């Protein structure tokens, strides 16, 4: 009985350590979120909207707001710094009205 109690206590402690850890948060992403990422080419960019051409040729439209994080690496940038034709990755979520909200827009640089 004592062995069983000791084993359950040890197992409970290990599970608490495992489930008590938080995933690493990426810069610009909201706390505790895992958002889908959409890589592509910026076709139209403004502070309020972004149109992305995906690699398969389809387009996705995102609504942008003051909450949208615009990043070049770890450096914060402004929407006007992302030019048409730039390679970007947009992390987004579906809005209640069915549209897509851009949470993070990351400018992608070609590797040298």
N, C-alpha and C. Protein backbone atom coordinates (compact mmCIF):
# COMPACT_ATOMS: atom_id res chain seq x y z
N UNK A 1 0.82 -1.19 0.00
CA UNK A 1 0.00 0.00 0.00
C UNK A 1 0.87 1.26 0.00
N UNK A 2 1.90 1.23 0.83
CA UNK A 2 2.80 2.37 0.93
C UNK A 2 3.51 2.61 -0.41
N UNK A 3 3.88 1.53 -1.10
CA UNK A 3 4.55 1.63 -2.40
C UNK A 3 3.61 2.25 -3.44
N UNK A 4 2.36 1.82 -3.42
CA UNK A 4 1.37 2.36 -4.35
C UNK A 4 1.16 3.85 -4.12
N UNK A 5 1.06 4.26 -2.88
CA UNK A 5 0.89 5.67 -2.54
C UNK A 5 2.10 6.48 -2.99
N UNK A 6 3.29 5.95 -2.79
CA UNK A 6 4.51 6.63 -3.21
C UNK A 6 4.56 6.76 -4.72
N UNK A 7 4.18 5.71 -5.44
CA UNK A 7 4.18 5.73 -6.91
C UNK A 7 3.19 6.75 -7.45
N UNK A 8 1.99 6.81 -6.87
CA UNK A 8 0.99 7.79 -7.31
C UNK A 8 1.43 9.21 -7.03
N UNK A 9 2.05 9.45 -5.90
CA UNK A 9 2.54 10.79 -5.56
C UNK A 9 3.63 11.22 -6.54
N UNK A 10 4.56 10.31 -6.85
CA UNK A 10 5.63 10.61 -7.78
C UNK A 10 5.07 10.89 -9.18
N UNK A 11 4.14 10.05 -9.63
CA UNK A 11 3.54 10.23 -10.95
C UNK A 11 2.79 11.56 -11.03
N UNK A 12 2.08 11.91 -9.98
CA UNK A 12 1.35 13.18 -9.96
C UNK A 12 2.30 14.37 -10.03
N UNK A 13 3.43 14.28 -9.36
CA UNK A 13 4.41 15.35 -9.40
C UNK A 13 5.02 15.51 -10.78
N UNK A 14 5.32 14.39 -11.44
CA UNK A 14 5.88 14.45 -12.79
C UNK A 14 4.87 15.01 -13.78
N UNK A 15 3.61 14.62 -13.66
CA UNK A 15 2.58 15.14 -14.56
C UNK A 15 2.40 16.64 -14.36
N UNK A 16 2.50 17.09 -13.12
CA UNK A 16 2.38 18.52 -12.84
C UNK A 16 3.51 19.31 -13.47
N UNK A 17 4.70 18.73 -13.49
CA UNK A 17 5.82 19.40 -14.13
C UNK A 17 5.60 19.46 -15.63
N UNK A 18 5.11 18.35 -16.23
CA UNK A 18 4.91 18.31 -17.67
C UNK A 18 3.80 19.27 -18.10
N UNK A 19 2.66 19.19 -17.47
CA UNK A 19 1.52 20.01 -17.86
C UNK A 19 1.62 21.45 -17.38
N UNK A 20 2.52 21.71 -16.46
CA UNK A 20 2.68 23.07 -15.95
C UNK A 20 3.57 23.94 -16.83
N UNK A 21 4.21 23.35 -17.83
CA UNK A 21 5.09 24.14 -18.69
C UNK A 21 4.27 24.85 -19.76
N UNK A 22 4.76 25.99 -20.15
CA UNK A 22 4.09 26.76 -21.20
C UNK A 22 4.90 26.67 -22.48
N UNK A 23 4.23 26.62 -23.65
CA UNK A 23 4.98 26.62 -24.90
C UNK A 23 5.68 27.97 -25.09
N UNK A 24 6.79 27.93 -25.79
CA UNK A 24 7.53 29.17 -26.03
C UNK A 24 6.69 30.09 -26.91
N UNK A 25 6.60 31.33 -26.53
CA UNK A 25 5.79 32.31 -27.25
C UNK A 25 6.66 33.01 -28.28
N UNK A 26 6.18 33.08 -29.50
CA UNK A 26 6.90 33.80 -30.55
C UNK A 26 6.62 35.28 -30.43
N UNK A 27 7.61 36.08 -30.78
CA UNK A 27 7.46 37.52 -30.70
C UNK A 27 6.28 37.98 -31.56
N UNK A 28 5.43 38.79 -30.99
CA UNK A 28 4.29 39.34 -31.70
C UNK A 28 3.03 38.52 -31.55
N UNK A 29 3.14 37.27 -31.18
CA UNK A 29 1.96 36.41 -31.04
C UNK A 29 1.36 36.58 -29.66
N UNK A 30 0.03 36.53 -29.56
CA UNK A 30 -0.62 36.65 -28.26
C UNK A 30 -0.22 35.52 -27.32
N UNK A 31 -0.28 35.77 -26.03
CA UNK A 31 0.07 34.79 -25.00
C UNK A 31 -0.73 33.51 -25.18
N UNK A 32 -0.05 32.37 -25.20
CA UNK A 32 -0.70 31.07 -25.24
C UNK A 32 -1.38 30.74 -26.56
N UNK A 33 -0.99 31.37 -27.64
CA UNK A 33 -1.68 31.12 -28.90
C UNK A 33 -0.80 30.34 -29.87
N UNK A 34 -1.43 29.52 -30.64
CA UNK A 34 -0.78 28.81 -31.74
C UNK A 34 -1.63 29.13 -32.96
N UNK A 35 -1.16 30.05 -33.77
CA UNK A 35 -1.93 30.52 -34.91
C UNK A 35 -1.42 29.88 -36.20
N UNK A 36 -2.33 29.64 -37.16
CA UNK A 36 -1.88 29.14 -38.45
C UNK A 36 -1.09 30.22 -39.18
N UNK A 37 -0.05 29.80 -39.90
CA UNK A 37 0.80 30.73 -40.63
C UNK A 37 0.59 30.53 -42.13
N UNK A 38 0.49 31.64 -42.86
CA UNK A 38 0.24 31.61 -44.29
C UNK A 38 1.39 32.32 -45.00
N UNK A 39 2.32 31.57 -45.62
CA UNK A 39 3.41 32.21 -46.35
C UNK A 39 2.96 32.58 -47.76
N UNK A 40 3.48 33.68 -48.26
CA UNK A 40 3.13 34.09 -49.62
C UNK A 40 3.74 35.42 -49.98
N UNK A 41 3.22 36.00 -51.06
CA UNK A 41 3.70 37.27 -51.59
C UNK A 41 2.66 38.35 -51.34
N UNK A 42 3.09 39.46 -50.78
CA UNK A 42 2.18 40.58 -50.52
C UNK A 42 1.77 41.21 -51.85
N UNK A 43 0.48 41.29 -52.12
CA UNK A 43 -0.02 41.89 -53.36
C UNK A 43 -0.61 43.27 -53.12
N UNK A 44 -1.14 43.50 -51.93
CA UNK A 44 -1.70 44.79 -51.57
C UNK A 44 -1.53 44.94 -50.07
N UNK A 45 -0.95 46.07 -49.64
CA UNK A 45 -0.66 46.25 -48.22
C UNK A 45 -1.10 47.64 -47.78
N UNK A 46 -1.83 47.70 -46.67
CA UNK A 46 -2.16 48.96 -46.02
C UNK A 46 -2.27 48.68 -44.53
N UNK A 47 -2.47 49.73 -43.75
CA UNK A 47 -2.62 49.56 -42.30
C UNK A 47 -3.92 48.84 -41.95
N UNK A 48 -4.87 48.78 -42.89
CA UNK A 48 -6.17 48.18 -42.60
C UNK A 48 -6.41 46.85 -43.31
N UNK A 49 -5.63 46.54 -44.33
CA UNK A 49 -5.87 45.30 -45.08
C UNK A 49 -4.58 44.82 -45.76
N UNK A 50 -4.53 43.51 -45.97
CA UNK A 50 -3.40 42.90 -46.66
C UNK A 50 -3.93 41.79 -47.55
N UNK A 51 -3.51 41.78 -48.81
CA UNK A 51 -3.85 40.69 -49.72
C UNK A 51 -2.59 39.90 -49.96
N UNK A 52 -2.68 38.60 -49.78
CA UNK A 52 -1.54 37.70 -49.88
C UNK A 52 -1.77 36.71 -51.00
N UNK A 53 -0.80 36.58 -51.90
CA UNK A 53 -0.87 35.54 -52.93
C UNK A 53 -0.13 34.33 -52.39
N UNK A 54 -0.85 33.23 -52.23
CA UNK A 54 -0.25 32.01 -51.72
C UNK A 54 0.57 31.32 -52.81
N UNK A 55 1.37 30.36 -52.42
CA UNK A 55 2.25 29.67 -53.36
C UNK A 55 1.47 28.91 -54.44
N UNK A 56 0.21 28.54 -54.16
CA UNK A 56 -0.59 27.82 -55.15
C UNK A 56 -1.33 28.77 -56.09
N UNK A 57 -1.10 30.09 -55.95
CA UNK A 57 -1.72 31.07 -56.83
C UNK A 57 -3.01 31.67 -56.29
N UNK A 58 -3.59 31.09 -55.26
CA UNK A 58 -4.80 31.64 -54.65
C UNK A 58 -4.46 32.87 -53.82
N UNK A 59 -5.45 33.73 -53.61
CA UNK A 59 -5.25 34.92 -52.78
C UNK A 59 -6.03 34.79 -51.48
N UNK A 60 -5.46 35.35 -50.43
CA UNK A 60 -6.14 35.45 -49.14
C UNK A 60 -6.16 36.91 -48.74
N UNK A 61 -7.26 37.33 -48.18
CA UNK A 61 -7.42 38.70 -47.73
C UNK A 61 -7.46 38.72 -46.20
N UNK A 62 -6.69 39.62 -45.61
CA UNK A 62 -6.63 39.76 -44.16
C UNK A 62 -7.01 41.17 -43.77
N UNK A 63 -7.73 41.29 -42.67
CA UNK A 63 -8.02 42.58 -42.07
C UNK A 63 -6.92 42.87 -41.05
N UNK A 64 -6.37 44.07 -41.09
CA UNK A 64 -5.32 44.48 -40.16
C UNK A 64 -5.88 45.56 -39.23
N UNK A 65 -5.30 45.66 -38.05
CA UNK A 65 -5.75 46.66 -37.07
C UNK A 65 -4.54 47.18 -36.30
N UNK A 66 -4.83 48.00 -35.29
CA UNK A 66 -3.75 48.50 -34.42
C UNK A 66 -3.10 47.35 -33.66
N UNK A 67 -3.82 46.25 -33.50
CA UNK A 67 -3.29 45.09 -32.76
C UNK A 67 -2.38 44.22 -33.62
N UNK A 68 -2.38 44.40 -34.94
CA UNK A 68 -1.53 43.61 -35.82
C UNK A 68 -0.07 43.97 -35.58
N UNK A 69 0.75 42.95 -35.35
CA UNK A 69 2.20 43.16 -35.17
C UNK A 69 2.87 43.01 -36.52
N UNK A 70 3.66 44.00 -36.91
CA UNK A 70 4.41 43.99 -38.17
C UNK A 70 5.88 43.84 -37.80
N UNK A 71 6.52 42.76 -38.29
CA UNK A 71 7.89 42.47 -37.87
C UNK A 71 8.81 42.18 -39.05
N UNK A 72 10.06 42.60 -38.90
CA UNK A 72 11.15 42.23 -39.80
C UNK A 72 12.19 41.58 -38.90
N UNK A 73 12.19 40.25 -38.86
CA UNK A 73 12.99 39.54 -37.85
C UNK A 73 12.36 39.79 -36.50
N UNK A 74 13.12 40.38 -35.59
CA UNK A 74 12.57 40.72 -34.27
C UNK A 74 12.28 42.21 -34.16
N UNK A 75 12.57 42.94 -35.21
CA UNK A 75 12.39 44.40 -35.22
C UNK A 75 10.96 44.75 -35.65
N UNK A 76 10.32 45.63 -34.88
CA UNK A 76 8.99 46.10 -35.26
C UNK A 76 9.12 47.06 -36.43
N UNK A 77 8.20 46.93 -37.39
CA UNK A 77 8.18 47.81 -38.55
C UNK A 77 6.77 48.35 -38.73
N UNK A 78 6.61 49.22 -39.71
CA UNK A 78 5.30 49.79 -40.02
C UNK A 78 4.74 49.10 -41.27
N UNK A 79 3.42 49.10 -41.44
CA UNK A 79 2.83 48.46 -42.62
C UNK A 79 3.42 48.99 -43.93
N UNK A 80 3.74 50.26 -44.00
CA UNK A 80 4.28 50.82 -45.24
C UNK A 80 5.69 50.31 -45.55
N UNK A 81 6.34 49.65 -44.60
CA UNK A 81 7.66 49.06 -44.84
C UNK A 81 7.55 47.76 -45.63
N UNK A 82 6.36 47.18 -45.69
CA UNK A 82 6.14 45.96 -46.47
C UNK A 82 5.65 46.38 -47.85
N UNK A 83 6.51 46.18 -48.83
CA UNK A 83 6.20 46.60 -50.21
C UNK A 83 5.50 45.48 -50.97
N UNK A 84 4.75 45.88 -51.99
CA UNK A 84 4.10 44.92 -52.86
C UNK A 84 5.17 44.02 -53.49
N UNK A 85 4.92 42.72 -53.47
CA UNK A 85 5.87 41.75 -54.00
C UNK A 85 6.79 41.16 -52.94
N UNK A 86 6.74 41.69 -51.72
CA UNK A 86 7.59 41.18 -50.63
C UNK A 86 7.08 39.82 -50.18
N UNK A 87 8.01 38.96 -49.80
CA UNK A 87 7.65 37.66 -49.23
C UNK A 87 7.34 37.87 -47.75
N UNK A 88 6.17 37.40 -47.32
CA UNK A 88 5.75 37.55 -45.92
C UNK A 88 5.13 36.24 -45.43
N UNK A 89 5.04 36.13 -44.11
CA UNK A 89 4.27 35.08 -43.47
C UNK A 89 3.27 35.78 -42.57
N UNK A 90 1.99 35.48 -42.76
CA UNK A 90 0.93 36.09 -41.97
C UNK A 90 0.38 35.04 -41.02
N UNK A 91 0.41 35.36 -39.73
CA UNK A 91 -0.26 34.52 -38.74
C UNK A 91 -1.62 35.16 -38.50
N UNK A 92 -2.66 34.38 -38.69
CA UNK A 92 -3.99 34.97 -38.61
C UNK A 92 -4.98 34.09 -37.90
N UNK A 93 -6.14 34.69 -37.64
CA UNK A 93 -7.23 33.94 -37.02
C UNK A 93 -8.53 34.37 -37.68
N UNK A 94 -9.50 33.48 -37.63
CA UNK A 94 -10.79 33.75 -38.23
C UNK A 94 -11.60 34.66 -37.31
N UNK A 95 -12.13 35.72 -37.87
CA UNK A 95 -12.97 36.66 -37.12
C UNK A 95 -14.39 36.10 -37.04
N UNK A 96 -15.19 36.61 -36.11
CA UNK A 96 -16.59 36.13 -35.98
C UNK A 96 -17.41 36.29 -37.26
N UNK A 97 -17.07 37.27 -38.09
CA UNK A 97 -17.83 37.48 -39.33
C UNK A 97 -17.33 36.61 -40.48
N UNK A 98 -16.32 35.74 -40.21
CA UNK A 98 -15.82 34.83 -41.23
C UNK A 98 -14.60 35.32 -41.98
N UNK A 99 -14.23 36.58 -41.81
CA UNK A 99 -13.04 37.10 -42.46
C UNK A 99 -11.81 36.68 -41.66
N UNK A 100 -10.64 36.93 -42.20
CA UNK A 100 -9.40 36.60 -41.52
C UNK A 100 -8.76 37.87 -40.96
N UNK A 101 -8.37 37.82 -39.69
CA UNK A 101 -7.65 38.92 -39.04
C UNK A 101 -6.17 38.59 -39.03
N UNK A 102 -5.34 39.53 -39.46
CA UNK A 102 -3.89 39.35 -39.39
C UNK A 102 -3.45 39.70 -37.97
N UNK A 103 -2.83 38.76 -37.28
CA UNK A 103 -2.33 38.99 -35.92
C UNK A 103 -0.87 39.40 -35.99
N UNK A 104 -0.08 38.68 -36.82
CA UNK A 104 1.34 38.97 -37.00
C UNK A 104 1.65 38.90 -38.48
N UNK A 105 2.36 39.93 -38.99
CA UNK A 105 2.86 39.92 -40.37
C UNK A 105 4.37 39.97 -40.26
N UNK A 106 5.03 38.92 -40.78
CA UNK A 106 6.49 38.82 -40.71
C UNK A 106 7.09 38.97 -42.11
N UNK A 107 7.94 39.94 -42.27
CA UNK A 107 8.66 40.13 -43.52
C UNK A 107 9.74 39.05 -43.62
N UNK A 108 9.82 38.38 -44.77
CA UNK A 108 10.81 37.31 -44.97
C UNK A 108 11.93 37.83 -45.84
N UNK A 109 13.14 37.62 -45.43
CA UNK A 109 14.33 38.02 -46.19
C UNK A 109 14.92 36.79 -46.85
N UNK A 110 15.46 36.96 -48.04
CA UNK A 110 16.14 35.85 -48.69
C UNK A 110 17.43 35.58 -47.97
N UNK A 111 17.76 34.30 -47.82
CA UNK A 111 18.99 33.92 -47.15
C UNK A 111 20.17 34.21 -48.06
N UNK A 112 21.21 34.78 -47.49
CA UNK A 112 22.39 35.14 -48.29
C UNK A 112 23.42 34.05 -48.25
